[in-house]
């Protein structure tokens, strides 16, 4: 099937229209700065959308699309987090495990719009072999060499904890659940570091790193210094991941889903502000 090339003509010029639509909705929801809801601003998806808008405004279209795609991809999962936090506040939330003693690993695909398509046991999965390969790569930073280094540095031992959280391969016919990890150490900072790494998917880091690399290339094309712009992007990425990881880890341990959501959001805001101090 051939697609009329006219459909592609001047598509880049339409990106500013998307940004203007976003600004129009934003102004209708909160006409003045005083009307902004700090709770809404502390949600991770708001920070992604805000980053998308800023990059669109700067005509950094490629990285903006990447950031927008991540927001869309993670939308369902983050909505579930909001619902869980709401149920917790209302006293209707049943904990899948004791979050004070353990942390379950986060995933790049689980709970997203790609969940069913990446589940080899789902009829929606279009390529089971490829899905299994990608799921093997969908690990947290705790399962990488960085996690091994941190475990040795802080003398951390792990214990497996059962949960009632369905894994991405879960179906009614083939039930499968995620295992959480209890980190045993005498160093509180070491434990929080392990929890933060467990909450950070390796593929998510790679995706954000790719977006920052595109952003760097865009800034260099405008006349920026390569090493300076690369350093800014690397520091911005590291600050955001660290702040979000630690914020969410601390929040989840002491506040469950509501604490996790608030911690991640506040961490994202802290990382965002730190990144802007670098500019």
C-alpha atoms as a PDB file:
ATOM      1  CA  UNK A   1       0.000   0.000   0.000  1.00  0.00           C
ATOM      2  CA  UNK A   2       1.384   3.393  -1.015  1.00  0.00           C
ATOM      3  CA  UNK A   3       0.865   6.498   1.064  1.00  0.00           C
ATOM      4  CA  UNK A   4       0.484   9.825  -0.654  1.00  0.00           C
ATOM      5  CA  UNK A   5       3.779  11.738  -0.109  1.00  0.00           C
ATOM      6  CA  UNK A   6       1.772  14.920   0.329  1.00  0.00           C
ATOM      7  CA  UNK A   7       0.875  13.586   3.790  1.00  0.00           C
ATOM      8  CA  UNK A   8       4.532  13.947   4.754  1.00  0.00           C
ATOM      9  CA  UNK A   9       4.973  17.425   3.312  1.00  0.00           C
ATOM     10  CA  UNK A  10       6.041  20.008   5.888  1.00  0.00           C
ATOM     11  CA  UNK A  11       5.228  17.713   8.816  1.00  0.00           C
ATOM     12  CA  UNK A  12       7.963  19.299  10.921  1.00  0.00           C
ATOM     13  CA  UNK A  13       6.204  22.648  10.653  1.00  0.00           C
ATOM     14  CA  UNK A  14       3.198  21.134  12.435  1.00  0.00           C
ATOM     15  CA  UNK A  15       5.122  20.395  15.654  1.00  0.00           C
ATOM     16  CA  UNK A  16       4.736  23.992  16.905  1.00  0.00           C
ATOM     17  CA  UNK A  17       0.967  23.554  16.504  1.00  0.00           C
ATOM     18  CA  UNK A  18       1.105  20.620  18.911  1.00  0.00           C
ATOM     19  CA  UNK A  19       2.956  22.760  21.411  1.00  0.00           C
ATOM     20  CA  UNK A  20       0.441  25.609  21.040  1.00  0.00           C
ATOM     21  CA  UNK A  21      -2.405  23.130  21.655  1.00  0.00           C
ATOM     22  CA  UNK A  22      -0.642  21.989  24.829  1.00  0.00           C
ATOM     23  CA  UNK A  23      -0.206  25.576  26.008  1.00  0.00           C
ATOM     24  CA  UNK A  24      -3.862  26.311  25.253  1.00  0.00           C
ATOM     25  CA  UNK A  25      -5.043  23.364  27.374  1.00  0.00           C
ATOM     26  CA  UNK A  26      -2.605  24.336  30.115  1.00  0.00           C
ATOM     27  CA  UNK A  27      -3.895  27.919  30.192  1.00  0.00           C
ATOM     28  CA  UNK A  28      -7.510  26.738  30.366  1.00  0.00           C
ATOM     29  CA  UNK A  29      -6.804  24.359  33.235  1.00  0.00           C
ATOM     30  CA  UNK A  30      -4.739  26.913  35.171  1.00  0.00           C
ATOM     31  CA  UNK A  31      -5.005  30.460  33.781  1.00  0.00           C
ATOM     32  CA  UNK A  32      -2.553  31.825  36.347  1.00  0.00           C
ATOM     33  CA  UNK A  33       0.453  30.451  38.218  1.00  0.00           C
ATOM     34  CA  UNK A  34      -1.488  30.518  41.485  1.00  0.00           C
ATOM     35  CA  UNK A  35      -3.984  27.989  40.098  1.00  0.00           C
ATOM     36  CA  UNK A  36      -1.441  25.210  39.627  1.00  0.00           C
ATOM     37  CA  UNK A  37      -1.917  22.186  41.819  1.00  0.00           C
ATOM     38  CA  UNK A  38       1.411  21.187  43.427  1.00  0.00           C
ATOM     39  CA  UNK A  39       0.134  17.626  43.841  1.00  0.00           C
ATOM     40  CA  UNK A  40      -0.419  17.374  40.084  1.00  0.00           C
ATOM     41  CA  UNK A  41       2.987  18.887  39.390  1.00  0.00           C
ATOM     42  CA  UNK A  42       4.576  16.258  41.651  1.00  0.00           C
ATOM     43  CA  UNK A  43       3.449  13.391  39.406  1.00  0.00           C
ATOM     44  CA  UNK A  44       6.133  11.862  37.143  1.00  0.00           C
ATOM     45  CA  UNK A  45       4.002  12.101  33.992  1.00  0.00           C
ATOM     46  CA  UNK A  46       3.555  15.865  34.474  1.00  0.00           C
ATOM     47  CA  UNK A  47       7.314  16.311  34.451  1.00  0.00           C
ATOM     48  CA  UNK A  48       7.613  14.330  31.228  1.00  0.00           C
ATOM     49  CA  UNK A  49       4.879  16.396  29.582  1.00  0.00           C
ATOM     50  CA  UNK A  50       6.482  19.572  30.878  1.00  0.00           C
ATOM     51  CA  UNK A  51       9.821  18.486  29.425  1.00  0.00           C
ATOM     52  CA  UNK A  52       8.070  17.699  26.138  1.00  0.00           C
ATOM     53  CA  UNK A  53       6.608  21.209  26.048  1.00  0.00           C
ATOM     54  CA  UNK A  54       9.925  22.876  26.788  1.00  0.00           C
ATOM     55  CA  UNK A  55      11.711  20.935  24.065  1.00  0.00           C
ATOM     56  CA  UNK A  56       8.971  21.732  21.592  1.00  0.00           C
ATOM     57  CA  UNK A  57       9.302  25.405  22.483  1.00  0.00           C
ATOM     58  CA  UNK A  58      13.052  25.177  21.843  1.00  0.00           C
ATOM     59  CA  UNK A  59      12.372  23.465  18.482  1.00  0.00           C
ATOM     60  CA  UNK A  60      14.134  20.345  19.739  1.00  0.00           C
ATOM     61  CA  UNK A  61      11.487  18.232  18.041  1.00  0.00           C
ATOM     62  CA  UNK A  62      13.138  14.807  17.928  1.00  0.00           C
ATOM     63  CA  UNK A  63      13.962  14.592  21.622  1.00  0.00           C
ATOM     64  CA  UNK A  64      10.555  16.130  22.414  1.00  0.00           C
ATOM     65  CA  UNK A  65       8.839  13.326  20.524  1.00  0.00           C
ATOM     66  CA  UNK A  66      10.954  10.809  22.445  1.00  0.00           C
ATOM     67  CA  UNK A  67       9.926  12.340  25.771  1.00  0.00           C
ATOM     68  CA  UNK A  68       6.291  12.445  24.676  1.00  0.00           C
ATOM     69  CA  UNK A  69       6.466   8.794  23.624  1.00  0.00           C
ATOM     70  CA  UNK A  70       7.745   7.822  27.082  1.00  0.00           C
ATOM     71  CA  UNK A  71       4.872   9.744  28.661  1.00  0.00           C
ATOM     72  CA  UNK A  72       2.352   7.877  26.489  1.00  0.00           C
ATOM     73  CA  UNK A  73       4.081   4.523  27.040  1.00  0.00           C
ATOM     74  CA  UNK A  74       4.052   4.847  30.832  1.00  0.00           C
ATOM     75  CA  UNK A  75       0.650   6.527  31.054  1.00  0.00           C
ATOM     76  CA  UNK A  76      -1.376   3.418  32.067  1.00  0.00           C
ATOM     77  CA  UNK A  77       1.175   2.321  34.667  1.00  0.00           C
ATOM     78  CA  UNK A  78       1.368   5.751  36.256  1.00  0.00           C
ATOM     79  CA  UNK A  79      -2.416   5.996  36.269  1.00  0.00           C
ATOM     80  CA  UNK A  80      -2.477   2.701  38.175  1.00  0.00           C
ATOM     81  CA  UNK A  81       0.003   4.205  40.644  1.00  0.00           C
ATOM     82  CA  UNK A  82      -2.313   7.163  41.171  1.00  0.00           C
ATOM     83  CA  UNK A  83      -5.288   4.832  41.701  1.00  0.00           C
ATOM     84  CA  UNK A  84      -3.304   2.720  44.191  1.00  0.00           C
ATOM     85  CA  UNK A  85      -2.266   5.858  46.070  1.00  0.00           C
ATOM     86  CA  UNK A  86      -5.901   7.027  46.160  1.00  0.00           C
ATOM     87  CA  UNK A  87      -7.062   3.638  47.483  1.00  0.00           C
ATOM     88  CA  UNK A  88      -4.366   3.754  50.146  1.00  0.00           C
ATOM     89  CA  UNK A  89      -5.485   7.183  51.296  1.00  0.00           C
ATOM     90  CA  UNK A  90      -9.083   5.933  51.430  1.00  0.00           C
ATOM     91  CA  UNK A  91      -8.029   2.831  53.340  1.00  0.00           C
ATOM     92  CA  UNK A  92      -9.083   0.448  50.538  1.00  0.00           C
ATOM     93  CA  UNK A  93      -5.620  -0.630  49.394  1.00  0.00           C
ATOM     94  CA  UNK A  94      -4.410  -4.181  49.966  1.00  0.00           C
ATOM     95  CA  UNK A  95      -0.629  -4.335  50.068  1.00  0.00           C
ATOM     96  CA  UNK A  96       0.888  -6.937  47.704  1.00  0.00           C
ATOM     97  CA  UNK A  97       3.822  -7.243  50.145  1.00  0.00           C
ATOM     98  CA  UNK A  98       5.330  -5.401  53.095  1.00  0.00           C
ATOM     99  CA  UNK A  99       6.960  -2.380  51.459  1.00  0.00           C
ATOM    100  CA  UNK A 100       8.801  -1.546  54.684  1.00  0.00           C
ATOM    101  CA  UNK A 101      11.008  -4.594  54.371  1.00  0.00           C
ATOM    102  CA  UNK A 102      11.192  -5.197  50.620  1.00  0.00           C
ATOM    103  CA  UNK A 103      11.079  -3.602  47.165  1.00  0.00           C
ATOM    104  CA  UNK A 104       9.862  -5.193  43.925  1.00  0.00           C
ATOM    105  CA  UNK A 105      11.786  -4.521  40.682  1.00  0.00           C
ATOM    106  CA  UNK A 106      10.418  -1.999  38.190  1.00  0.00           C
ATOM    107  CA  UNK A 107      10.048  -2.865  34.516  1.00  0.00           C
ATOM    108  CA  UNK A 108      10.215  -0.901  31.269  1.00  0.00           C
ATOM    109  CA  UNK A 109       7.315  -2.844  29.701  1.00  0.00           C
ATOM    110  CA  UNK A 110       5.151  -4.136  32.566  1.00  0.00           C
ATOM    111  CA  UNK A 111       1.977  -2.114  33.022  1.00  0.00           C
ATOM    112  CA  UNK A 112       2.573   0.024  29.928  1.00  0.00           C
ATOM    113  CA  UNK A 113       0.614   0.144  26.676  1.00  0.00           C
ATOM    114  CA  UNK A 114       3.033  -2.526  25.377  1.00  0.00           C
ATOM    115  CA  UNK A 115       2.313  -4.937  28.247  1.00  0.00           C
ATOM    116  CA  UNK A 116       0.121  -7.435  26.362  1.00  0.00           C
ATOM    117  CA  UNK A 117       2.215  -7.224  23.198  1.00  0.00           C
ATOM    118  CA  UNK A 118       5.358  -8.109  25.148  1.00  0.00           C
ATOM    119  CA  UNK A 119       3.707 -10.995  27.016  1.00  0.00           C
ATOM    120  CA  UNK A 120       4.666 -14.264  25.239  1.00  0.00           C
ATOM    121  CA  UNK A 121       1.612 -15.929  26.783  1.00  0.00           C
ATOM    122  CA  UNK A 122      -0.798 -13.321  25.420  1.00  0.00           C
ATOM    123  CA  UNK A 123      -2.657 -13.761  22.107  1.00  0.00           C
ATOM    124  CA  UNK A 124      -1.757 -10.141  21.334  1.00  0.00           C
ATOM    125  CA  UNK A 125       1.966 -10.918  21.293  1.00  0.00           C
ATOM    126  CA  UNK A 126       3.007 -10.732  17.633  1.00  0.00           C
ATOM    127  CA  UNK A 127       6.492 -12.296  18.038  1.00  0.00           C
ATOM    128  CA  UNK A 128       6.941 -14.515  21.073  1.00  0.00           C
ATOM    129  CA  UNK A 129      10.651 -15.184  20.474  1.00  0.00           C
ATOM    130  CA  UNK A 130      11.503 -11.478  20.208  1.00  0.00           C
ATOM    131  CA  UNK A 131       9.308 -10.694  23.220  1.00  0.00           C
ATOM    132  CA  UNK A 132      11.218 -13.190  25.356  1.00  0.00           C
ATOM    133  CA  UNK A 133      14.551 -11.691  24.272  1.00  0.00           C
ATOM    134  CA  UNK A 134      13.388  -8.178  25.189  1.00  0.00           C
ATOM    135  CA  UNK A 135      12.025  -9.387  28.524  1.00  0.00           C
ATOM    136  CA  UNK A 136      15.423 -10.905  29.287  1.00  0.00           C
ATOM    137  CA  UNK A 137      16.887  -7.429  28.755  1.00  0.00           C
ATOM    138  CA  UNK A 138      14.179  -5.760  30.838  1.00  0.00           C
ATOM    139  CA  UNK A 139      16.028  -5.837  34.133  1.00  0.00           C
ATOM    140  CA  UNK A 140      16.603  -3.293  36.880  1.00  0.00           C
ATOM    141  CA  UNK A 141      19.948  -1.620  37.525  1.00  0.00           C
ATOM    142  CA  UNK A 142      20.244  -3.783  40.626  1.00  0.00           C
ATOM    143  CA  UNK A 143      20.723  -6.799  38.327  1.00  0.00           C
ATOM    144  CA  UNK A 144      23.614  -5.146  36.471  1.00  0.00           C
ATOM    145  CA  UNK A 145      27.308  -4.785  37.317  1.00  0.00           C
ATOM    146  CA  UNK A 146      26.427  -1.534  39.081  1.00  0.00           C
ATOM    147  CA  UNK A 147      24.165  -3.470  41.452  1.00  0.00           C
ATOM    148  CA  UNK A 148      26.911  -6.030  42.080  1.00  0.00           C
ATOM    149  CA  UNK A 149      29.315  -3.197  42.910  1.00  0.00           C
ATOM    150  CA  UNK A 150      26.848  -1.592  45.337  1.00  0.00           C
ATOM    151  CA  UNK A 151      26.150  -4.956  47.007  1.00  0.00           C
ATOM    152  CA  UNK A 152      29.877  -5.453  47.658  1.00  0.00           C
ATOM    153  CA  UNK A 153      30.431  -1.841  48.696  1.00  0.00           C
ATOM    154  CA  UNK A 154      27.735  -1.899  51.384  1.00  0.00           C
ATOM    155  CA  UNK A 155      27.899  -5.641  52.148  1.00  0.00           C
ATOM    156  CA  UNK A 156      24.272  -6.159  51.132  1.00  0.00           C
ATOM    157  CA  UNK A 157      22.614  -9.556  51.247  1.00  0.00           C
ATOM    158  CA  UNK A 158      19.240 -10.208  49.640  1.00  0.00           C
ATOM    159  CA  UNK A 159      16.230 -12.309  50.568  1.00  0.00           C
ATOM    160  CA  UNK A 160      13.358 -13.130  48.220  1.00  0.00           C
ATOM    161  CA  UNK A 161       9.886 -11.976  49.255  1.00  0.00           C
ATOM    162  CA  UNK A 162       6.712 -13.230  47.578  1.00  0.00           C
ATOM    163  CA  UNK A 163       4.199 -10.693  46.234  1.00  0.00           C
ATOM    164  CA  UNK A 164       0.757 -10.709  44.657  1.00  0.00           C
ATOM    165  CA  UNK A 165       1.890  -8.429  41.802  1.00  0.00           C
ATOM    166  CA  UNK A 166       1.290 -10.134  38.423  1.00  0.00           C
ATOM    167  CA  UNK A 167       4.379 -10.417  36.250  1.00  0.00           C
ATOM    168  CA  UNK A 168       4.238  -9.386  32.591  1.00  0.00           C
ATOM    169  CA  UNK A 169       3.956 -13.074  31.599  1.00  0.00           C
ATOM    170  CA  UNK A 170       0.947 -13.560  33.879  1.00  0.00           C
ATOM    171  CA  UNK A 171      -2.296 -14.977  32.461  1.00  0.00           C
ATOM    172  CA  UNK A 172      -5.303 -16.656  34.049  1.00  0.00           C
ATOM    173  CA  UNK A 173      -4.107 -19.979  32.645  1.00  0.00           C
ATOM    174  CA  UNK A 174      -0.437 -19.421  33.542  1.00  0.00           C
ATOM    175  CA  UNK A 175      -0.255 -17.248  36.673  1.00  0.00           C
ATOM    176  CA  UNK A 176       3.091 -15.639  37.401  1.00  0.00           C
ATOM    177  CA  UNK A 177       4.006 -13.130  40.086  1.00  0.00           C
ATOM    178  CA  UNK A 178       6.911 -10.785  40.728  1.00  0.00           C
ATOM    179  CA  UNK A 179       9.338 -11.487  43.523  1.00  0.00           C
ATOM    180  CA  UNK A 180      10.417  -8.581  45.725  1.00  0.00           C
ATOM    181  CA  UNK A 181      13.807  -8.275  47.412  1.00  0.00           C
ATOM    182  CA  UNK A 182      14.661  -7.587  51.016  1.00  0.00           C
ATOM    183  CA  UNK A 183      18.053  -5.898  51.332  1.00  0.00           C
ATOM    184  CA  UNK A 184      19.889  -6.863  54.495  1.00  0.00           C
ATOM    185  CA  UNK A 185      22.644  -4.442  55.499  1.00  0.00           C
ATOM    186  CA  UNK A 186      23.753  -2.328  58.440  1.00  0.00           C
ATOM    187  CA  UNK A 187      24.028   0.728  56.193  1.00  0.00           C
ATOM    188  CA  UNK A 188      20.701   2.616  55.688  1.00  0.00           C
ATOM    189  CA  UNK A 189      22.110   4.541  52.710  1.00  0.00           C
ATOM    190  CA  UNK A 190      23.199   1.254  51.145  1.00  0.00           C
ATOM    191  CA  UNK A 191      19.697  -0.139  51.522  1.00  0.00           C
ATOM    192  CA  UNK A 192      18.126   2.937  49.901  1.00  0.00           C
ATOM    193  CA  UNK A 193      20.656   2.776  47.093  1.00  0.00           C
ATOM    194  CA  UNK A 194      19.730  -0.872  46.467  1.00  0.00           C
ATOM    195  CA  UNK A 195      16.034   0.016  46.519  1.00  0.00           C
ATOM    196  CA  UNK A 196      16.595   2.931  44.129  1.00  0.00           C
ATOM    197  CA  UNK A 197      18.503   0.706  41.686  1.00  0.00           C
ATOM    198  CA  UNK A 198      15.732  -1.914  41.894  1.00  0.00           C
ATOM    199  CA  UNK A 199      13.197   0.760  40.931  1.00  0.00           C
ATOM    200  CA  UNK A 200      15.213   1.868  37.877  1.00  0.00           C
ATOM    201  CA  UNK A 201      14.805  -0.225  34.691  1.00  0.00           C
ATOM    202  CA  UNK A 202      17.932  -0.580  32.570  1.00  0.00           C
ATOM    203  CA  UNK A 203      15.971  -0.054  29.332  1.00  0.00           C
ATOM    204  CA  UNK A 204      14.426   3.098  30.777  1.00  0.00           C
ATOM    205  CA  UNK A 205      17.895   4.499  31.432  1.00  0.00           C
ATOM    206  CA  UNK A 206      18.908   3.597  27.875  1.00  0.00           C
ATOM    207  CA  UNK A 207      15.820   5.318  26.440  1.00  0.00           C
ATOM    208  CA  UNK A 208      16.387   8.510  28.437  1.00  0.00           C
ATOM    209  CA  UNK A 209      20.066   8.399  27.545  1.00  0.00           C
ATOM    210  CA  UNK A 210      19.171   8.213  23.864  1.00  0.00           C
ATOM    211  CA  UNK A 211      16.818  11.170  24.193  1.00  0.00           C
ATOM    212  CA  UNK A 212      19.520  13.207  25.937  1.00  0.00           C
ATOM    213  CA  UNK A 213      22.002  12.266  23.209  1.00  0.00           C
ATOM    214  CA  UNK A 214      19.577  13.601  20.595  1.00  0.00           C
ATOM    215  CA  UNK A 215      19.137  16.756  22.672  1.00  0.00           C
ATOM    216  CA  UNK A 216      22.911  17.178  22.819  1.00  0.00           C
ATOM    217  CA  UNK A 217      23.187  16.812  19.047  1.00  0.00           C
ATOM    218  CA  UNK A 218      20.466  19.435  18.612  1.00  0.00           C
ATOM    219  CA  UNK A 219      22.273  21.916  20.881  1.00  0.00           C
ATOM    220  CA  UNK A 220      25.578  21.312  19.086  1.00  0.00           C
ATOM    221  CA  UNK A 221      23.875  21.933  15.734  1.00  0.00           C
ATOM    222  CA  UNK A 222      22.874  25.350  17.109  1.00  0.00           C
ATOM    223  CA  UNK A 223      26.516  26.182  17.838  1.00  0.00           C
ATOM    224  CA  UNK A 224      26.976  24.698  21.308  1.00  0.00           C
ATOM    225  CA  UNK A 225      30.224  23.074  22.426  1.00  0.00           C
ATOM    226  CA  UNK A 226      30.075  19.264  22.164  1.00  0.00           C
ATOM    227  CA  UNK A 227      31.832  18.464  25.446  1.00  0.00           C
ATOM    228  CA  UNK A 228      29.920  21.128  27.361  1.00  0.00           C
ATOM    229  CA  UNK A 229      26.526  20.049  26.048  1.00  0.00           C
ATOM    230  CA  UNK A 230      27.318  16.351  26.550  1.00  0.00           C
ATOM    231  CA  UNK A 231      28.366  17.088  30.122  1.00  0.00           C
ATOM    232  CA  UNK A 232      25.151  19.000  30.797  1.00  0.00           C
ATOM    233  CA  UNK A 233      23.003  16.179  29.402  1.00  0.00           C
ATOM    234  CA  UNK A 234      24.895  13.505  31.346  1.00  0.00           C
ATOM    235  CA  UNK A 235      24.616  15.454  34.600  1.00  0.00           C
ATOM    236  CA  UNK A 236      20.939  16.212  33.962  1.00  0.00           C
ATOM    237  CA  UNK A 237      20.175  12.541  33.302  1.00  0.00           C
ATOM    238  CA  UNK A 238      22.132  11.351  36.346  1.00  0.00           C
ATOM    239  CA  UNK A 239      20.541  13.953  38.626  1.00  0.00           C
ATOM    240  CA  UNK A 240      17.019  13.104  37.449  1.00  0.00           C
ATOM    241  CA  UNK A 241      17.472   9.323  37.756  1.00  0.00           C
ATOM    242  CA  UNK A 242      19.132   9.576  41.173  1.00  0.00           C
ATOM    243  CA  UNK A 243      16.602  12.018  42.609  1.00  0.00           C
ATOM    244  CA  UNK A 244      13.649  10.034  41.255  1.00  0.00           C
ATOM    245  CA  UNK A 245      15.105   6.702  42.349  1.00  0.00           C
ATOM    246  CA  UNK A 246      15.967   7.738  45.908  1.00  0.00           C
ATOM    247  CA  UNK A 247      12.812   9.811  46.304  1.00  0.00           C
ATOM    248  CA  UNK A 248      10.605   6.938  45.220  1.00  0.00           C
ATOM    249  CA  UNK A 249      12.547   4.407  47.306  1.00  0.00           C
ATOM    250  CA  UNK A 250      12.231   6.438  50.500  1.00  0.00           C
ATOM    251  CA  UNK A 251       8.592   7.265  49.804  1.00  0.00           C
ATOM    252  CA  UNK A 252       7.669   3.655  49.041  1.00  0.00           C
ATOM    253  CA  UNK A 253       9.319   2.270  52.172  1.00  0.00           C
ATOM    254  CA  UNK A 254       7.648   4.658  54.564  1.00  0.00           C
ATOM    255  CA  UNK A 255       4.516   5.640  52.673  1.00  0.00           C
ATOM    256  CA  UNK A 256       3.511   2.805  50.340  1.00  0.00           C
ATOM    257  CA  UNK A 257       2.054   3.710  46.904  1.00  0.00           C
ATOM    258  CA  UNK A 258       1.199   7.276  47.933  1.00  0.00           C
ATOM    259  CA  UNK A 259       4.702   7.787  49.297  1.00  0.00           C
ATOM    260  CA  UNK A 260       6.239   6.237  46.196  1.00  0.00           C
ATOM    261  CA  UNK A 261       4.267   8.513  43.883  1.00  0.00           C
ATOM    262  CA  UNK A 262       5.059  11.620  45.922  1.00  0.00           C
ATOM    263  CA  UNK A 263       8.709  10.665  46.307  1.00  0.00           C
ATOM    264  CA  UNK A 264       9.177  10.048  42.597  1.00  0.00           C
ATOM    265  CA  UNK A 265       7.434  13.281  41.705  1.00  0.00           C
ATOM    266  CA  UNK A 266       9.373  15.389  44.196  1.00  0.00           C
ATOM    267  CA  UNK A 267      12.565  13.680  43.085  1.00  0.00           C
ATOM    268  CA  UNK A 268      11.760  14.474  39.457  1.00  0.00           C
ATOM    269  CA  UNK A 269      11.155  18.116  40.380  1.00  0.00           C
ATOM    270  CA  UNK A 270      14.467  18.238  42.272  1.00  0.00           C
ATOM    271  CA  UNK A 271      16.310  16.702  39.316  1.00  0.00           C
ATOM    272  CA  UNK A 272      14.562  19.059  36.908  1.00  0.00           C
ATOM    273  CA  UNK A 273      15.511  22.133  38.949  1.00  0.00           C
ATOM    274  CA  UNK A 274      19.088  20.941  39.333  1.00  0.00           C
ATOM    275  CA  UNK A 275      19.330  20.396  35.578  1.00  0.00           C
ATOM    276  CA  UNK A 276      18.129  23.951  34.976  1.00  0.00           C
ATOM    277  CA  UNK A 277      20.746  25.321  37.373  1.00  0.00           C
ATOM    278  CA  UNK A 278      23.345  23.764  35.084  1.00  0.00           C
ATOM    279  CA  UNK A 279      22.073  25.629  31.985  1.00  0.00           C
END
